[in-house]
Structure formats: structure tokens, C-alpha cells
Amino acid sequence: LQLAAIDAQRGNLRPDQLFHIQSTIIAVVDDLEGFPDRQP
């Protein structure tokens, strides 16, 4: 995400791309809801 934030600051990402990236991340976070936060 920091790589994406740096590209956004440089103007390499359009607003619609940023919105698409954020939507993708939110979807991934929802998909990982079933994984525990424990070291194997």
C-alpha cells in the first residue's frame, strides 16, 4: 500500500485507480476474516 501511496503522490495513479485499489484491499481484508492472528 505504501508503494501505491507513493505513486499516488507522484500523480501516477488516477482517482478511479485509487478507488479501485482501495475497494480491492477492502475485499481482500473481508476474505481473510477467517484467518486467526496467531503464528503457526
All heavy atoms as atom14 arrays in JSON, in Angstrom:
{
  "sequence": "LQLAAIDAQRGNLRPDQLFHIQSTIIAVVDDLEGFPDRQP",
  "atom14_mask": [
    [1, 1, 1, 1, 1, 1, 1, 1, 0, 0, 0, 0, 0, 0],
    [1, 1, 1, 1, 1, 1, 1, 1, 1, 0, 0, 0, 0, 0],
    [1, 1, 1, 1, 1, 1, 1, 1, 0, 0, 0, 0, 0, 0],
    [1, 1, 1, 1, 1, 0, 0, 0, 0, 0, 0, 0, 0, 0],
    [1, 1, 1, 1, 1, 0, 0, 0, 0, 0, 0, 0, 0, 0],
    [1, 1, 1, 1, 1, 1, 1, 1, 0, 0, 0, 0, 0, 0],
    [1, 1, 1, 1, 1, 1, 1, 1, 0, 0, 0, 0, 0, 0],
    [1, 1, 1, 1, 1, 0, 0, 0, 0, 0, 0, 0, 0, 0],
    [1, 1, 1, 1, 1, 1, 1, 1, 1, 0, 0, 0, 0, 0],
    [1, 1, 1, 1, 1, 1, 1, 1, 1, 1, 1, 0, 0, 0],
    [1, 1, 1, 1, 0, 0, 0, 0, 0, 0, 0, 0, 0, 0],
    [1, 1, 1, 1, 1, 1, 1, 1, 0, 0, 0, 0, 0, 0],
    [1, 1, 1, 1, 1, 1, 1, 1, 0, 0, 0, 0, 0, 0],
    [1, 1, 1, 1, 1, 1, 1, 1, 1, 1, 1, 0, 0, 0],
    [1, 1, 1, 1, 1, 1, 1, 0, 0, 0, 0, 0, 0, 0],
    [1, 1, 1, 1, 1, 1, 1, 1, 0, 0, 0, 0, 0, 0],
    [1, 1, 1, 1, 1, 1, 1, 1, 1, 0, 0, 0, 0, 0],
    [1, 1, 1, 1, 1, 1, 1, 1, 0, 0, 0, 0, 0, 0],
    [1, 1, 1, 1, 1, 1, 1, 1, 1, 1, 1, 0, 0, 0],
    [1, 1, 1, 1, 1, 1, 1, 1, 1, 1, 0, 0, 0, 0],
    [1, 1, 1, 1, 1, 1, 1, 1, 0, 0, 0, 0, 0, 0],
    [1, 1, 1, 1, 1, 1, 1, 1, 1, 0, 0, 0, 0, 0],
    [1, 1, 1, 1, 1, 1, 0, 0, 0, 0, 0, 0, 0, 0],
    [1, 1, 1, 1, 1, 1, 1, 0, 0, 0, 0, 0, 0, 0],
    [1, 1, 1, 1, 1, 1, 1, 1, 0, 0, 0, 0, 0, 0],
    [1, 1, 1, 1, 1, 1, 1, 1, 0, 0, 0, 0, 0, 0],
    [1, 1, 1, 1, 1, 0, 0, 0, 0, 0, 0, 0, 0, 0],
    [1, 1, 1, 1, 1, 1, 1, 0, 0, 0, 0, 0, 0, 0],
    [1, 1, 1, 1, 1, 1, 1, 0, 0, 0, 0, 0, 0, 0],
    [1, 1, 1, 1, 1, 1, 1, 1, 0, 0, 0, 0, 0, 0],
    [1, 1, 1, 1, 1, 1, 1, 1, 0, 0, 0, 0, 0, 0],
    [1, 1, 1, 1, 1, 1, 1, 1, 0, 0, 0, 0, 0, 0],
    [1, 1, 1, 1, 1, 1, 1, 1, 1, 0, 0, 0, 0, 0],
    [1, 1, 1, 1, 0, 0, 0, 0, 0, 0, 0, 0, 0, 0],
    [1, 1, 1, 1, 1, 1, 1, 1, 1, 1, 1, 0, 0, 0],
    [1, 1, 1, 1, 1, 1, 1, 0, 0, 0, 0, 0, 0, 0],
    [1, 1, 1, 1, 1, 1, 1, 1, 0, 0, 0, 0, 0, 0],
    [1, 1, 1, 1, 1, 1, 1, 1, 1, 1, 1, 0, 0, 0],
    [1, 1, 1, 1, 1, 1, 1, 1, 1, 0, 0, 0, 0, 0],
    [1, 1, 1, 1, 1, 1, 1, 0, 0, 0, 0, 0, 0, 0]
  ],
  "atom14_positions": [
    [[0.82, -1.21, 0.0], [0.0, 0.0, 0.0], [0.85, 1.26, 0.0], [0.48, 2.28, -0.59], [-0.93, 0.0, 1.22], [-2.18, -0.87, 1.12], [-2.98, -0.78, 2.41], [-3.03, -0.44, -0.05], [0.0, 0.0, 0.0], [0.0, 0.0, 0.0], [0.0, 0.0, 0.0], [0.0, 0.0, 0.0], [0.0, 0.0, 0.0], [0.0, 0.0, 0.0]],
    [[1.99, 1.21, 0.66], [2.87, 2.38, 0.65], [3.41, 2.65, -0.76], [3.55, 3.8, -1.17], [4.03, 2.2, 1.61], [4.81, 3.49, 1.83], [6.03, 3.32, 2.7], [6.75, 2.33, 2.55], [6.26, 4.24, 3.61], [0.0, 0.0, 0.0], [0.0, 0.0, 0.0], [0.0, 0.0, 0.0], [0.0, 0.0, 0.0], [0.0, 0.0, 0.0]],
    [[3.69, 1.6, -1.52], [4.1, 1.8, -2.92], [2.99, 2.5, -3.7], [3.26, 3.4, -4.51], [4.43, 0.46, -3.57], [5.64, -0.3, -3.03], [5.8, -1.63, -3.76], [6.91, 0.53, -3.17], [0.0, 0.0, 0.0], [0.0, 0.0, 0.0], [0.0, 0.0, 0.0], [0.0, 0.0, 0.0], [0.0, 0.0, 0.0], [0.0, 0.0, 0.0]],
    [[1.74, 2.08, -3.44], [0.62, 2.74, -4.11], [0.49, 4.19, -3.66], [0.21, 5.08, -4.48], [-0.67, 1.97, -3.82], [0.0, 0.0, 0.0], [0.0, 0.0, 0.0], [0.0, 0.0, 0.0], [0.0, 0.0, 0.0], [0.0, 0.0, 0.0], [0.0, 0.0, 0.0], [0.0, 0.0, 0.0], [0.0, 0.0, 0.0], [0.0, 0.0, 0.0]],
    [[0.7, 4.46, -2.36], [0.61, 5.83, -1.86], [1.69, 6.71, -2.47], [1.45, 7.88, -2.81], [0.71, 5.83, -0.33], [0.0, 0.0, 0.0], [0.0, 0.0, 0.0], [0.0, 0.0, 0.0], [0.0, 0.0, 0.0], [0.0, 0.0, 0.0], [0.0, 0.0, 0.0], [0.0, 0.0, 0.0], [0.0, 0.0, 0.0], [0.0, 0.0, 0.0]],
    [[2.89, 6.19, -2.64], [3.97, 6.96, -3.27], [3.63, 7.27, -4.72], [3.83, 8.39, -5.2], [5.29, 6.19, -3.15], [5.72, 6.1, -1.68], [6.39, 6.87, -3.96], [6.94, 5.23, -1.45], [0.0, 0.0, 0.0], [0.0, 0.0, 0.0], [0.0, 0.0, 0.0], [0.0, 0.0, 0.0], [0.0, 0.0, 0.0], [0.0, 0.0, 0.0]],
    [[3.11, 6.26, -5.45], [2.71, 6.51, -6.84], [1.58, 7.52, -6.92], [1.52, 8.34, -7.85], [2.27, 5.19, -7.49], [3.45, 4.36, -7.94], [4.58, 4.9, -7.96], [3.27, 3.17, -8.26], [0.0, 0.0, 0.0], [0.0, 0.0, 0.0], [0.0, 0.0, 0.0], [0.0, 0.0, 0.0], [0.0, 0.0, 0.0], [0.0, 0.0, 0.0]],
    [[0.65, 7.48, -5.94], [-0.44, 8.46, -5.94], [0.09, 9.87, -5.7], [-0.37, 10.83, -6.32], [-1.46, 8.08, -4.87], [0.0, 0.0, 0.0], [0.0, 0.0, 0.0], [0.0, 0.0, 0.0], [0.0, 0.0, 0.0], [0.0, 0.0, 0.0], [0.0, 0.0, 0.0], [0.0, 0.0, 0.0], [0.0, 0.0, 0.0], [0.0, 0.0, 0.0]],
    [[1.08, 10.02, -4.8], [1.67, 11.33, -4.54], [2.38, 11.88, -5.78], [2.37, 13.08, -6.05], [2.64, 11.24, -3.37], [3.24, 12.58, -2.98], [4.32, 12.42, -1.94], [4.64, 11.31, -1.54], [4.9, 13.53, -1.51], [0.0, 0.0, 0.0], [0.0, 0.0, 0.0], [0.0, 0.0, 0.0], [0.0, 0.0, 0.0], [0.0, 0.0, 0.0]],
    [[2.98, 10.98, -6.56], [3.68, 11.4, -7.78], [2.72, 11.69, -8.92], [3.13, 12.2, -9.96], [4.65, 10.32, -8.22], [5.8, 10.08, -7.25], [6.59, 8.86, -7.67], [7.73, 8.62, -6.79], [8.49, 7.52, -6.84], [8.22, 6.58, -7.74], [9.49, 7.36, -6.0], [0.0, 0.0, 0.0], [0.0, 0.0, 0.0], [0.0, 0.0, 0.0]],
    [[1.46, 11.35, -8.77], [0.49, 11.57, -9.83], [0.42, 10.45, -10.83], [-0.15, 10.62, -11.92], [0.0, 0.0, 0.0], [0.0, 0.0, 0.0], [0.0, 0.0, 0.0], [0.0, 0.0, 0.0], [0.0, 0.0, 0.0], [0.0, 0.0, 0.0], [0.0, 0.0, 0.0], [0.0, 0.0, 0.0], [0.0, 0.0, 0.0], [0.0, 0.0, 0.0]],
    [[0.98, 9.27, -10.5], [0.97, 8.15, -11.43], [-0.33, 7.35, -11.4], [-0.55, 6.5, -12.27], [2.14, 7.2, -11.12], [3.48, 7.87, -11.32], [3.61, 8.79, -12.12], [4.48, 7.41, -10.58], [0.0, 0.0, 0.0], [0.0, 0.0, 0.0], [0.0, 0.0, 0.0], [0.0, 0.0, 0.0], [0.0, 0.0, 0.0], [0.0, 0.0, 0.0]],
    [[-1.18, 7.61, -10.4], [-2.44, 6.88, -10.28], [-3.61, 7.86, -10.37], [-3.6, 8.91, -9.72], [-2.5, 6.11, -8.96], [-1.48, 5.0, -8.76], [-1.63, 4.39, -7.37], [-1.64, 3.92, -9.82], [0.0, 0.0, 0.0], [0.0, 0.0, 0.0], [0.0, 0.0, 0.0], [0.0, 0.0, 0.0], [0.0, 0.0, 0.0], [0.0, 0.0, 0.0]],
    [[-4.57, 7.51, -11.17], [-5.77, 8.33, -11.3], [-6.69, 8.1, -10.1], [-6.58, 7.07, -9.42], [-6.5, 8.0, -12.6], [-5.67, 8.19, -13.85], [-6.55, 7.98, -15.09], [-7.24, 6.71, -15.05], [-6.73, 5.57, -15.51], [-5.51, 5.56, -16.03], [-7.42, 4.45, -15.44], [0.0, 0.0, 0.0], [0.0, 0.0, 0.0], [0.0, 0.0, 0.0]],
    [[-7.62, 9.02, -9.85], [-8.55, 8.83, -8.73], [-9.36, 7.55, -8.84], [-9.61, 6.87, -7.83], [-9.45, 10.06, -8.8], [-8.6, 11.11, -9.46], [-7.75, 10.37, -10.44], [0.0, 0.0, 0.0], [0.0, 0.0, 0.0], [0.0, 0.0, 0.0], [0.0, 0.0, 0.0], [0.0, 0.0, 0.0], [0.0, 0.0, 0.0], [0.0, 0.0, 0.0]],
    [[-9.78, 7.19, -10.06], [-10.55, 5.96, -10.19], [-9.69, 4.73, -9.89], [-10.18, 3.73, -9.34], [-11.14, 5.86, -11.59], [-10.06, 5.85, -12.67], [-9.11, 6.64, -12.58], [-10.16, 5.02, -13.6], [0.0, 0.0, 0.0], [0.0, 0.0, 0.0], [0.0, 0.0, 0.0], [0.0, 0.0, 0.0], [0.0, 0.0, 0.0], [0.0, 0.0, 0.0]],
    [[-8.38, 4.79, -10.22], [-7.49, 3.68, -9.88], [-7.33, 3.56, -8.37], [-7.32, 2.44, -7.83], [-6.14, 3.88, -10.55], [-6.15, 3.68, -12.06], [-4.79, 3.91, -12.67], [-4.15, 4.95, -12.46], [-4.32, 2.95, -13.44], [0.0, 0.0, 0.0], [0.0, 0.0, 0.0], [0.0, 0.0, 0.0], [0.0, 0.0, 0.0], [0.0, 0.0, 0.0]],
    [[-7.19, 4.69, -7.69], [-7.07, 4.66, -6.24], [-8.32, 4.07, -5.59], [-8.24, 3.27, -4.65], [-6.8, 6.06, -5.7], [-5.41, 6.65, -6.01], [-5.35, 8.11, -5.6], [-4.34, 5.86, -5.28], [0.0, 0.0, 0.0], [0.0, 0.0, 0.0], [0.0, 0.0, 0.0], [0.0, 0.0, 0.0], [0.0, 0.0, 0.0], [0.0, 0.0, 0.0]],
    [[-9.47, 4.47, -6.09], [-10.71, 3.92, -5.56], [-10.78, 2.41, -5.82], [-11.22, 1.64, -4.95], [-11.91, 4.63, -6.2], [-13.24, 4.09, -5.77], [-13.78, 4.42, -4.53], [-13.94, 3.22, -6.59], [-15.0, 3.91, -4.13], [-15.17, 2.7, -6.2], [-15.7, 3.06, -4.97], [0.0, 0.0, 0.0], [0.0, 0.0, 0.0], [0.0, 0.0, 0.0]],
    [[-10.34, 1.99, -7.0], [-10.35, 0.56, -7.34], [-9.39, -0.2, -6.44], [-9.7, -1.31, -5.98], [-9.95, 0.39, -8.8], [-10.33, -0.94, -9.37], [-11.58, -1.49, -9.27], [-9.59, -1.86, -10.06], [-11.62, -2.66, -9.86], [-10.41, -2.92, -10.35], [0.0, 0.0, 0.0], [0.0, 0.0, 0.0], [0.0, 0.0, 0.0], [0.0, 0.0, 0.0]],
    [[-8.21, 0.38, -6.15], [-7.24, -0.28, -5.27], [-7.8, -0.42, -3.87], [-7.71, -1.49, -3.24], [-5.92, 0.52, -5.25], [-5.19, 0.37, -6.6], [-5.01, 0.04, -4.12], [-3.96, 1.25, -6.72], [0.0, 0.0, 0.0], [0.0, 0.0, 0.0], [0.0, 0.0, 0.0], [0.0, 0.0, 0.0], [0.0, 0.0, 0.0], [0.0, 0.0, 0.0]],
    [[-8.41, 0.64, -3.36], [-8.97, 0.59, -2.01], [-10.11, -0.44, -1.94], [-10.2, -1.2, -0.96], [-9.49, 1.96, -1.6], [-10.08, 1.99, -0.2], [-10.27, 3.41, 0.3], [-9.36, 4.23, 0.25], [-11.47, 3.7, 0.79], [0.0, 0.0, 0.0], [0.0, 0.0, 0.0], [0.0, 0.0, 0.0], [0.0, 0.0, 0.0], [0.0, 0.0, 0.0]],
    [[-10.92, -0.51, -2.96], [-12.01, -1.5, -2.96], [-11.45, -2.91, -2.97], [-11.98, -3.8, -2.3], [-12.91, -1.28, -4.18], [-13.46, 0.03, -4.18], [0.0, 0.0, 0.0], [0.0, 0.0, 0.0], [0.0, 0.0, 0.0], [0.0, 0.0, 0.0], [0.0, 0.0, 0.0], [0.0, 0.0, 0.0], [0.0, 0.0, 0.0], [0.0, 0.0, 0.0]],
    [[-10.38, -3.12, -3.74], [-9.76, -4.45, -3.79], [-9.2, -4.84, -2.42], [-9.36, -5.98, -1.97], [-8.65, -4.48, -4.85], [-9.19, -4.1, -6.11], [-8.04, -5.86, -4.95], [0.0, 0.0, 0.0], [0.0, 0.0, 0.0], [0.0, 0.0, 0.0], [0.0, 0.0, 0.0], [0.0, 0.0, 0.0], [0.0, 0.0, 0.0], [0.0, 0.0, 0.0]],
    [[-8.54, -3.89, -1.75], [-7.96, -4.17, -0.44], [-9.07, -4.49, 0.57], [-8.95, -5.44, 1.37], [-7.13, -2.98, 0.05], [-5.92, -2.8, -0.85], [-6.68, -3.18, 1.49], [-4.96, -3.97, -0.83], [0.0, 0.0, 0.0], [0.0, 0.0, 0.0], [0.0, 0.0, 0.0], [0.0, 0.0, 0.0], [0.0, 0.0, 0.0], [0.0, 0.0, 0.0]],
    [[-10.14, -3.73, 0.55], [-11.24, -3.99, 1.48], [-11.82, -5.39, 1.23], [-12.13, -6.14, 2.18], [-12.33, -2.92, 1.33], [-11.77, -1.54, 1.71], [-13.53, -3.26, 2.2], [-11.3, -1.44, 3.14], [0.0, 0.0, 0.0], [0.0, 0.0, 0.0], [0.0, 0.0, 0.0], [0.0, 0.0, 0.0], [0.0, 0.0, 0.0], [0.0, 0.0, 0.0]],
    [[-11.92, -5.77, -0.04], [-12.43, -7.11, -0.36], [-11.49, -8.19, 0.15], [-11.93, -9.23, 0.66], [-12.64, -7.24, -1.87], [0.0, 0.0, 0.0], [0.0, 0.0, 0.0], [0.0, 0.0, 0.0], [0.0, 0.0, 0.0], [0.0, 0.0, 0.0], [0.0, 0.0, 0.0], [0.0, 0.0, 0.0], [0.0, 0.0, 0.0], [0.0, 0.0, 0.0]],
    [[-10.17, -7.98, 0.02], [-9.2, -8.96, 0.5], [-9.27, -9.07, 2.01], [-9.21, -10.18, 2.58], [-7.78, -8.59, 0.03], [-6.74, -9.49, 0.69], [-7.68, -8.7, -1.49], [0.0, 0.0, 0.0], [0.0, 0.0, 0.0], [0.0, 0.0, 0.0], [0.0, 0.0, 0.0], [0.0, 0.0, 0.0], [0.0, 0.0, 0.0], [0.0, 0.0, 0.0]],
    [[-9.38, -7.94, 2.7], [-9.47, -7.96, 4.16], [-10.71, -8.74, 4.6], [-10.66, -9.53, 5.55], [-9.49, -6.52, 4.72], [-9.79, -6.52, 6.21], [-8.15, -5.83, 4.46], [0.0, 0.0, 0.0], [0.0, 0.0, 0.0], [0.0, 0.0, 0.0], [0.0, 0.0, 0.0], [0.0, 0.0, 0.0], [0.0, 0.0, 0.0], [0.0, 0.0, 0.0]],
    [[-11.81, -8.55, 3.9], [-13.02, -9.32, 4.23], [-12.81, -10.81, 3.99], [-13.29, -11.65, 4.77], [-14.2, -8.81, 3.4], [-14.62, -7.4, 3.8], [-14.29, -6.99, 4.93], [-15.26, -6.72, 2.98], [0.0, 0.0, 0.0], [0.0, 0.0, 0.0], [0.0, 0.0, 0.0], [0.0, 0.0, 0.0], [0.0, 0.0, 0.0], [0.0, 0.0, 0.0]],
    [[-12.07, -11.15, 2.91], [-11.83, -12.57, 2.62], [-10.95, -13.23, 3.67], [-11.04, -14.44, 3.89], [-11.18, -12.72, 1.24], [-12.14, -12.39, 0.11], [-13.36, -12.43, 0.35], [-11.68, -12.09, -1.01], [0.0, 0.0, 0.0], [0.0, 0.0, 0.0], [0.0, 0.0, 0.0], [0.0, 0.0, 0.0], [0.0, 0.0, 0.0], [0.0, 0.0, 0.0]],
    [[-10.06, -12.45, 4.3], [-9.14, -13.01, 5.3], [-9.72, -12.99, 6.71], [-8.99, -13.21, 7.67], [-7.82, -12.23, 5.27], [-7.05, -12.27, 3.95], [-5.77, -11.46, 4.06], [-6.74, -13.7, 3.54], [0.0, 0.0, 0.0], [0.0, 0.0, 0.0], [0.0, 0.0, 0.0], [0.0, 0.0, 0.0], [0.0, 0.0, 0.0], [0.0, 0.0, 0.0]],
    [[-11.01, -12.76, 6.82], [-11.63, -12.67, 8.14], [-11.51, -13.99, 8.9], [-11.4, -14.02, 10.12], [-13.11, -12.29, 7.98], [-13.88, -12.17, 9.28], [-13.35, -11.04, 10.16], [-12.9, -10.02, 9.61], [-13.38, -11.21, 11.4], [0.0, 0.0, 0.0], [0.0, 0.0, 0.0], [0.0, 0.0, 0.0], [0.0, 0.0, 0.0], [0.0, 0.0, 0.0]],
    [[-11.5, -15.1, 8.19], [-11.47, -16.39, 8.86], [-10.11, -16.84, 9.34], [-10.01, -17.89, 10.0], [0.0, 0.0, 0.0], [0.0, 0.0, 0.0], [0.0, 0.0, 0.0], [0.0, 0.0, 0.0], [0.0, 0.0, 0.0], [0.0, 0.0, 0.0], [0.0, 0.0, 0.0], [0.0, 0.0, 0.0], [0.0, 0.0, 0.0], [0.0, 0.0, 0.0]],
    [[-9.05, -16.1, 9.06], [-7.7, -16.5, 9.47], [-7.39, -15.91, 10.85], [-7.57, -14.72, 11.08], [-6.66, -16.01, 8.47], [-6.67, -16.76, 7.17], [-7.52, -16.39, 6.14], [-5.84, -17.85, 6.98], [-7.55, -17.08, 4.95], [-5.86, -18.55, 5.79], [-6.71, -18.16, 4.77], [0.0, 0.0, 0.0], [0.0, 0.0, 0.0], [0.0, 0.0, 0.0]],
    [[-6.91, -16.73, 11.78], [-6.56, -16.21, 13.11], [-5.25, -15.44, 13.07], [-4.39, -15.68, 12.21], [-6.43, -17.47, 13.96], [-5.99, -18.52, 12.98], [-6.67, -18.19, 11.68], [0.0, 0.0, 0.0], [0.0, 0.0, 0.0], [0.0, 0.0, 0.0], [0.0, 0.0, 0.0], [0.0, 0.0, 0.0], [0.0, 0.0, 0.0], [0.0, 0.0, 0.0]],
    [[-5.11, -14.52, 14.01], [-3.85, -13.77, 14.11], [-2.94, -14.49, 15.09], [-2.63, -13.99, 16.18], [-4.14, -12.33, 14.57], [-2.88, -11.49, 14.55], [-1.96, -11.81, 13.77], [-2.8, -10.51, 15.32], [0.0, 0.0, 0.0], [0.0, 0.0, 0.0], [0.0, 0.0, 0.0], [0.0, 0.0, 0.0], [0.0, 0.0, 0.0], [0.0, 0.0, 0.0]],
    [[-2.49, -15.66, 14.7], [-1.59, -16.46, 15.52], [-0.48, -17.01, 14.64], [-0.71, -17.37, 13.5], [-2.33, -17.63, 16.18], [-3.41, -17.21, 17.16], [-2.83, -16.54, 18.38], [-3.86, -16.13, 19.32], [-3.66, -15.31, 20.34], [-2.45, -14.81, 20.52], [-4.65, -14.98, 21.15], [0.0, 0.0, 0.0], [0.0, 0.0, 0.0], [0.0, 0.0, 0.0]],
    [[0.71, -17.06, 15.21], [1.81, -17.68, 14.49], [1.56, -19.18, 14.4], [1.19, -19.81, 15.4], [3.14, -17.41, 15.22], [4.38, -17.69, 14.4], [4.65, -16.62, 13.38], [4.02, -15.57, 13.41], [5.59, -16.86, 12.48], [0.0, 0.0, 0.0], [0.0, 0.0, 0.0], [0.0, 0.0, 0.0], [0.0, 0.0, 0.0], [0.0, 0.0, 0.0]],
    [[1.73, -19.79, 13.21], [1.55, -21.25, 13.11], [2.42, -21.99, 14.1], [3.55, -21.58, 14.38], [1.95, -21.54, 11.66], [1.7, -20.26, 10.94], [2.02, -19.18, 11.92], [0.0, 0.0, 0.0], [0.0, 0.0, 0.0], [0.0, 0.0, 0.0], [0.0, 0.0, 0.0], [0.0, 0.0, 0.0], [0.0, 0.0, 0.0], [0.0, 0.0, 0.0]]
  ]
}
